[in-house]
C-alpha atoms as a PDB file:
ATOM      1  CA  MET A   1      -4.692 -30.065  20.973  1.00  0.00           C
ATOM      2  CA  ALA A   2      -8.064 -28.422  20.434  1.00  0.00           C
ATOM      3  CA  ASP A   3      -8.584 -28.265  24.180  1.00  0.00           C
ATOM      4  CA  LYS A   4      -5.462 -26.162  24.706  1.00  0.00           C
ATOM      5  CA  LYS A   5      -6.722 -23.551  22.135  1.00  0.00           C
ATOM      6  CA  LYS A   6     -10.061 -23.263  23.931  1.00  0.00           C
ATOM      7  CA  ASP A   7      -8.343 -22.688  27.261  1.00  0.00           C
ATOM      8  CA  ALA A   8      -6.161 -19.927  25.836  1.00  0.00           C
ATOM      9  CA  LYS A   9      -9.168 -18.010  24.645  1.00  0.00           C
ATOM     10  CA  LYS A  10     -10.840 -18.119  28.042  1.00  0.00           C
ATOM     11  CA  SER A  11      -7.977 -16.321  29.793  1.00  0.00           C
ATOM     12  CA  GLU A  12      -8.073 -13.152  27.731  1.00  0.00           C
ATOM     13  CA  GLY A  13      -8.804 -10.847  30.635  1.00  0.00           C
ATOM     14  CA  PRO A  14     -11.526  -8.250  31.462  1.00  0.00           C
ATOM     15  CA  ILE A  15     -13.517  -6.600  28.716  1.00  0.00           C
ATOM     16  CA  LYS A  16     -12.647  -2.881  28.125  1.00  0.00           C
ATOM     17  CA  LYS A  17     -15.495  -0.357  28.188  1.00  0.00           C
ATOM     18  CA  HIS A  18     -15.424   2.193  25.369  1.00  0.00           C
ATOM     19  CA  THR A  19     -16.131   5.923  25.935  1.00  0.00           C
ATOM     20  CA  THR A  20     -19.020   7.494  24.190  1.00  0.00           C
ATOM     21  CA  SER A  21     -18.075   9.652  21.163  1.00  0.00           C
ATOM     22  CA  ASN A  22     -19.145  13.312  20.892  1.00  0.00           C
ATOM     23  CA  ARG A  23     -21.302  12.439  17.891  1.00  0.00           C
ATOM     24  CA  GLN A  24     -23.226   9.896  19.989  1.00  0.00           C
ATOM     25  CA  LYS A  25     -23.650  12.391  22.851  1.00  0.00           C
ATOM     26  CA  ASN A  26     -25.078  15.033  20.481  1.00  0.00           C
ATOM     27  CA  TYR A  27     -27.464  12.465  18.965  1.00  0.00           C
ATOM     28  CA  GLU A  28     -28.758  11.318  22.384  1.00  0.00           C
ATOM     29  CA  SER A  29     -29.342  14.908  23.595  1.00  0.00           C
ATOM     30  CA  GLY A  30     -31.225  15.910  20.396  1.00  0.00           C
ATOM     31  CA  LYS A  31     -28.589  18.357  19.120  1.00  0.00           C
ATOM     32  CA  ALA A  32     -27.796  16.397  15.951  1.00  0.00           C
ATOM     33  CA  LYS A  33     -27.798  18.921  13.098  1.00  0.00           C
ATOM     34  CA  ASN A  34     -27.535  16.458  10.153  1.00  0.00           C
ATOM     35  CA  ARG A  35     -30.404  14.485   8.738  1.00  0.00           C
ATOM     36  CA  PHE A  36     -30.481  10.729   8.743  1.00  0.00           C
ATOM     37  CA  CYS A  37     -30.326   8.655   5.561  1.00  0.00           C
ATOM     38  CA  PRO A  38     -33.780   7.628   4.417  1.00  0.00           C
ATOM     39  CA  LYS A  39     -32.496   4.298   2.998  1.00  0.00           C
ATOM     40  CA  CYS A  40     -30.125   3.250   5.826  1.00  0.00           C
ATOM     41  CA  GLY A  41     -32.401   4.517   8.610  1.00  0.00           C
ATOM     42  CA  PRO A  42     -31.608   6.123  12.038  1.00  0.00           C
ATOM     43  CA  GLY A  43     -27.976   5.996  12.992  1.00  0.00           C
ATOM     44  CA  VAL A  44     -26.476   6.845   9.619  1.00  0.00           C
ATOM     45  CA  MET A  45     -26.244  10.605   9.058  1.00  0.00           C
ATOM     46  CA  LEU A  46     -26.024  12.401   5.748  1.00  0.00           C
ATOM     47  CA  ALA A  47     -22.848  14.373   5.132  1.00  0.00           C
ATOM     48  CA  ASP A  48     -23.544  18.011   4.456  1.00  0.00           C
ATOM     49  CA  HIS A  49     -21.619  19.326   1.363  1.00  0.00           C
ATOM     50  CA  LYS A  50     -21.962  22.701  -0.259  1.00  0.00           C
ATOM     51  CA  ASP A  51     -24.394  21.584  -2.931  1.00  0.00           C
ATOM     52  CA  ARG A  52     -25.660  18.199  -1.714  1.00  0.00           C
ATOM     53  CA  LEU A  53     -26.393  15.769   1.125  1.00  0.00           C
ATOM     54  CA  TYR A  54     -24.618  12.483   0.824  1.00  0.00           C
ATOM     55  CA  CYS A  55     -24.654   9.080   2.586  1.00  0.00           C
ATOM     56  CA  GLY A  56     -21.249   7.394   2.589  1.00  0.00           C
ATOM     57  CA  LYS A  57     -22.699   3.999   3.365  1.00  0.00           C
ATOM     58  CA  CYS A  58     -25.249   3.511   0.576  1.00  0.00           C
ATOM     59  CA  HIS A  59     -24.274   6.433  -1.713  1.00  0.00           C
ATOM     60  CA  TYR A  60     -27.654   8.131  -1.422  1.00  0.00           C
ATOM     61  CA  MET A  61     -27.503  11.744  -2.650  1.00  0.00           C
ATOM     62  CA  GLU A  62     -29.887  14.739  -2.424  1.00  0.00           C
ATOM     63  CA  LYS A  63     -29.256  18.038  -4.105  1.00  0.00           C
ATOM     64  CA  LYS A  64     -29.878  21.212  -2.092  1.00  0.00           C
END
């Protein structure tokens, strides 16, 4: 029975390619306006609120 399950997984079909998001395009071209999180590193941008900068991943916060 285990052999039948392995065969079923092999016949899934071609892998779909994802399109690049606008955020990723801006980052690659150097137009990114937000700062990166100092704890998480490059790739995680800080959200820009009225009175603070905030990281949604690690909850880092800087007051303006």
